C-alpha atoms as a PDB file:
ATOM      1  CA  UNK A   1       0.000   0.000   0.000  1.00  0.00           C
ATOM      2  CA  UNK A   2       2.810   2.409   0.916  1.00  0.00           C
ATOM      3  CA  UNK A   3       4.686   1.680  -2.306  1.00  0.00           C
ATOM      4  CA  UNK A   4       1.579   2.161  -4.432  1.00  0.00           C
ATOM      5  CA  UNK A   5       0.784   5.466  -2.702  1.00  0.00           C
ATOM      6  CA  UNK A   6       4.364   6.723  -3.069  1.00  0.00           C
ATOM      7  CA  UNK A   7       4.582   5.754  -6.747  1.00  0.00           C
ATOM      8  CA  UNK A   8       1.189   7.290  -7.509  1.00  0.00           C
ATOM      9  CA  UNK A   9       1.965  10.535  -5.689  1.00  0.00           C
ATOM     10  CA  UNK A  10       5.438  10.724  -7.249  1.00  0.00           C
ATOM     11  CA  UNK A  11       4.079  10.686 -10.817  1.00  0.00           C
ATOM     12  CA  UNK A  12       1.035  12.786  -9.947  1.00  0.00           C
ATOM     13  CA  UNK A  13       3.338  15.440  -8.465  1.00  0.00           C
ATOM     14  CA  UNK A  14       5.498  15.417 -11.589  1.00  0.00           C
ATOM     15  CA  UNK A  15       2.509  15.890 -13.894  1.00  0.00           C
ATOM     16  CA  UNK A  16       0.804  18.496 -11.713  1.00  0.00           C
ATOM     17  CA  UNK A  17       4.028  20.481 -11.300  1.00  0.00           C
ATOM     18  CA  UNK A  18       4.276  20.754 -15.082  1.00  0.00           C
ATOM     19  CA  UNK A  19       0.634  21.844 -15.312  1.00  0.00           C
ATOM     20  CA  UNK A  20       1.045  24.419 -12.528  1.00  0.00           C
ATOM     21  CA  UNK A  21       4.117  25.877 -14.215  1.00  0.00           C
ATOM     22  CA  UNK A  22       2.720  25.458 -17.723  1.00  0.00           C
ATOM     23  CA  UNK A  23       0.835  28.674 -18.277  1.00  0.00           C
ATOM     24  CA  UNK A  24       2.531  30.827 -15.670  1.00  0.00           C
ATOM     25  CA  UNK A  25      -0.506  31.021 -13.425  1.00  0.00           C
ATOM     26  CA  UNK A  26      -2.337  27.957 -12.199  1.00  0.00           C
ATOM     27  CA  UNK A  27      -6.009  27.974 -11.337  1.00  0.00           C
ATOM     28  CA  UNK A  28      -6.928  27.731  -7.678  1.00  0.00           C
ATOM     29  CA  UNK A  29      -8.209  24.153  -7.905  1.00  0.00           C
ATOM     30  CA  UNK A  30      -5.049  23.003  -9.710  1.00  0.00           C
ATOM     31  CA  UNK A  31      -2.869  24.721  -7.110  1.00  0.00           C
ATOM     32  CA  UNK A  32      -4.779  23.078  -4.260  1.00  0.00           C
ATOM     33  CA  UNK A  33      -4.640  19.683  -6.002  1.00  0.00           C
ATOM     34  CA  UNK A  34      -0.878  19.958  -6.510  1.00  0.00           C
ATOM     35  CA  UNK A  35      -0.255  21.186  -2.964  1.00  0.00           C
ATOM     36  CA  UNK A  36      -2.391  18.393  -1.519  1.00  0.00           C
ATOM     37  CA  UNK A  37      -0.572  15.769  -3.568  1.00  0.00           C
ATOM     38  CA  UNK A  38       2.890  17.100  -2.734  1.00  0.00           C
ATOM     39  CA  UNK A  39       2.169  17.521   0.969  1.00  0.00           C
ATOM     40  CA  UNK A  40       0.629  14.035   1.095  1.00  0.00           C
ATOM     41  CA  UNK A  41       3.823  12.570  -0.321  1.00  0.00           C
ATOM     42  CA  UNK A  42       5.853  14.500   2.246  1.00  0.00           C
ATOM     43  CA  UNK A  43       3.584  13.302   5.059  1.00  0.00           C
ATOM     44  CA  UNK A  44       3.979   9.728   3.860  1.00  0.00           C
ATOM     45  CA  UNK A  45       7.776  10.096   3.921  1.00  0.00           C
ATOM     46  CA  UNK A  46       7.699  11.731   7.357  1.00  0.00           C
ATOM     47  CA  UNK A  47       5.438   9.047   8.772  1.00  0.00           C
ATOM     48  CA  UNK A  48       7.103   5.994   7.262  1.00  0.00           C
ATOM     49  CA  UNK A  49      10.548   7.187   6.175  1.00  0.00           C
ATOM     50  CA  UNK A  50      12.029   7.314   2.703  1.00  0.00           C
ATOM     51  CA  UNK A  51      11.133   4.363   0.527  1.00  0.00           C
ATOM     52  CA  UNK A  52      14.409   4.381  -1.354  1.00  0.00           C
ATOM     53  CA  UNK A  53      18.003   3.663  -0.525  1.00  0.00           C
ATOM     54  CA  UNK A  54      21.324   4.019  -2.258  1.00  0.00           C
ATOM     55  CA  UNK A  55      21.403   0.386  -3.362  1.00  0.00           C
ATOM     56  CA  UNK A  56      24.414  -1.925  -3.077  1.00  0.00           C
ATOM     57  CA  UNK A  57      26.106  -0.772  -6.307  1.00  0.00           C
ATOM     58  CA  UNK A  58      26.213   2.927  -5.431  1.00  0.00           C
ATOM     59  CA  UNK A  59      29.524   3.708  -3.741  1.00  0.00           C
ATOM     60  CA  UNK A  60      31.583   6.551  -2.340  1.00  0.00           C
ATOM     61  CA  UNK A  61      30.298  10.104  -2.141  1.00  0.00           C
ATOM     62  CA  UNK A  62      27.125   9.259  -4.079  1.00  0.00           C
ATOM     63  CA  UNK A  63      26.222   6.600  -1.518  1.00  0.00           C
ATOM     64  CA  UNK A  64      26.746   9.034   1.372  1.00  0.00           C
ATOM     65  CA  UNK A  65      24.918  11.913  -0.339  1.00  0.00           C
ATOM     66  CA  UNK A  66      21.974   9.866  -1.640  1.00  0.00           C
ATOM     67  CA  UNK A  67      19.653   9.994   1.420  1.00  0.00           C
ATOM     68  CA  UNK A  68      20.522  13.633   2.136  1.00  0.00           C
ATOM     69  CA  UNK A  69      19.797  14.743  -1.416  1.00  0.00           C
ATOM     70  CA  UNK A  70      16.447  12.962  -1.287  1.00  0.00           C
ATOM     71  CA  UNK A  71      15.587  14.607   2.012  1.00  0.00           C
ATOM     72  CA  UNK A  72      16.508  17.958   0.466  1.00  0.00           C
ATOM     73  CA  UNK A  73      14.234  17.248  -2.477  1.00  0.00           C
ATOM     74  CA  UNK A  74      11.373  16.550  -0.058  1.00  0.00           C
ATOM     75  CA  UNK A  75      12.080  19.858   1.730  1.00  0.00           C
ATOM     76  CA  UNK A  76      11.866  21.796  -1.543  1.00  0.00           C
ATOM     77  CA  UNK A  77       8.723  19.833  -2.495  1.00  0.00           C
ATOM     78  CA  UNK A  78       7.027  20.711   0.810  1.00  0.00           C
ATOM     79  CA  UNK A  79       8.203  24.325   0.761  1.00  0.00           C
ATOM     80  CA  UNK A  80       6.982  24.907  -2.780  1.00  0.00           C
ATOM     81  CA  UNK A  81       3.640  23.231  -2.094  1.00  0.00           C
ATOM     82  CA  UNK A  82       3.071  25.168   1.132  1.00  0.00           C
ATOM     83  CA  UNK A  83       4.023  28.444  -0.548  1.00  0.00           C
ATOM     84  CA  UNK A  84       1.693  27.749  -3.482  1.00  0.00           C
ATOM     85  CA  UNK A  85      -1.167  26.850  -1.139  1.00  0.00           C
ATOM     86  CA  UNK A  86      -0.570  29.985   0.959  1.00  0.00           C
ATOM     87  CA  UNK A  87      -0.534  32.157  -2.164  1.00  0.00           C
ATOM     88  CA  UNK A  88      -3.733  30.504  -3.401  1.00  0.00           C
ATOM     89  CA  UNK A  89      -5.555  31.544  -0.229  1.00  0.00           C
ATOM     90  CA  UNK A  90      -4.076  35.081  -0.476  1.00  0.00           C
ATOM     91  CA  UNK A  91      -1.677  34.612   2.466  1.00  0.00           C
ATOM     92  CA  UNK A  92       1.732  34.478   0.725  1.00  0.00           C
ATOM     93  CA  UNK A  93       4.693  33.227   2.711  1.00  0.00           C
ATOM     94  CA  UNK A  94       7.785  35.379   3.108  1.00  0.00           C
ATOM     95  CA  UNK A  95      10.715  34.342   0.979  1.00  0.00           C
ATOM     96  CA  UNK A  96      11.159  33.549  -2.682  1.00  0.00           C
ATOM     97  CA  UNK A  97       8.361  33.976  -5.196  1.00  0.00           C
ATOM     98  CA  UNK A  98       6.343  30.758  -5.536  1.00  0.00           C
ATOM     99  CA  UNK A  99       7.162  30.377  -9.226  1.00  0.00           C
ATOM    100  CA  UNK A 100      10.875  30.602  -8.403  1.00  0.00           C
ATOM    101  CA  UNK A 101      10.493  27.850  -5.792  1.00  0.00           C
ATOM    102  CA  UNK A 102       8.590  25.640  -8.209  1.00  0.00           C
ATOM    103  CA  UNK A 103      11.148  26.210 -10.976  1.00  0.00           C
ATOM    104  CA  UNK A 104      13.906  25.282  -8.523  1.00  0.00           C
ATOM    105  CA  UNK A 105      11.935  22.141  -7.678  1.00  0.00           C
ATOM    106  CA  UNK A 106      11.586  21.322 -11.368  1.00  0.00           C
ATOM    107  CA  UNK A 107      15.346  21.745 -11.885  1.00  0.00           C
ATOM    108  CA  UNK A 108      16.091  19.538  -8.873  1.00  0.00           C
ATOM    109  CA  UNK A 109      13.565  16.958 -10.084  1.00  0.00           C
ATOM    110  CA  UNK A 110      15.222  16.857 -13.504  1.00  0.00           C
ATOM    111  CA  UNK A 111      18.622  16.277 -11.889  1.00  0.00           C
ATOM    112  CA  UNK A 112      16.988  13.602  -9.739  1.00  0.00           C
ATOM    113  CA  UNK A 113      15.608  11.909 -12.858  1.00  0.00           C
ATOM    114  CA  UNK A 114      18.951  12.008 -14.687  1.00  0.00           C
ATOM    115  CA  UNK A 115      20.711  10.560 -11.637  1.00  0.00           C
ATOM    116  CA  UNK A 116      18.268   7.662 -11.421  1.00  0.00           C
ATOM    117  CA  UNK A 117      18.444   7.052 -15.179  1.00  0.00           C
ATOM    118  CA  UNK A 118      22.238   6.856 -14.800  1.00  0.00           C
ATOM    119  CA  UNK A 119      21.902   4.462 -11.871  1.00  0.00           C
ATOM    120  CA  UNK A 120      19.484   2.265 -13.770  1.00  0.00           C
ATOM    121  CA  UNK A 121      21.578   2.124 -16.939  1.00  0.00           C
ATOM    122  CA  UNK A 122      25.227   2.463 -15.826  1.00  0.00           C
ATOM    123  CA  UNK A 123      24.997   0.601 -12.538  1.00  0.00           C
ATOM    124  CA  UNK A 124      22.170  -1.719 -13.549  1.00  0.00           C
ATOM    125  CA  UNK A 125      20.703  -1.545 -10.056  1.00  0.00           C
ATOM    126  CA  UNK A 126      17.039  -1.348 -11.069  1.00  0.00           C
ATOM    127  CA  UNK A 127      16.603   2.171  -9.678  1.00  0.00           C
ATOM    128  CA  UNK A 128      13.715   2.912 -12.036  1.00  0.00           C
ATOM    129  CA  UNK A 129      11.817  -0.206 -11.002  1.00  0.00           C
ATOM    130  CA  UNK A 130      11.483   1.224  -7.510  1.00  0.00           C
ATOM    131  CA  UNK A 131       9.403   4.178  -8.649  1.00  0.00           C
ATOM    132  CA  UNK A 132       7.578   2.969 -11.746  1.00  0.00           C
ATOM    133  CA  UNK A 133       4.312   1.066 -11.667  1.00  0.00           C
ATOM    134  CA  UNK A 134       4.819  -2.694 -11.819  1.00  0.00           C
ATOM    135  CA  UNK A 135       2.926  -2.813 -15.094  1.00  0.00           C
ATOM    136  CA  UNK A 136       5.848  -0.934 -16.726  1.00  0.00           C
ATOM    137  CA  UNK A 137       8.672  -3.081 -15.337  1.00  0.00           C
ATOM    138  CA  UNK A 138       8.761  -5.307 -18.444  1.00  0.00           C
ATOM    139  CA  UNK A 139       9.972  -2.370 -20.579  1.00  0.00           C
ATOM    140  CA  UNK A 140      12.747  -1.260 -18.211  1.00  0.00           C
END
């Protein structure tokens, strides 16, 4: 159940983030949907811990940095979602503009994706199988 929820929220967050950023100004319902999805994923990670690990083939600095980089990604995810939700209800948070936060999240997410593509292909550790629906595992 936890895996299914994490995988679903992971891909829902990715799609909704693109929609929110897509036209430069998301509608209120889309902003609330994205914020709810992102904060739900963060709550799941806080309650049950991170679902991923560095894997046995990842070594050195990457192995040490792996959990910390993922925690950082969750922080940016939560911060961006909370800021978007606050702006949607006309109570903006102090700090960076929401769009800047969400663009930073998108950049971090793209680096995250490239890293896991590298792990899956160069190390052959099945990193993509951890976060894709089981119905897609036959094509990985």
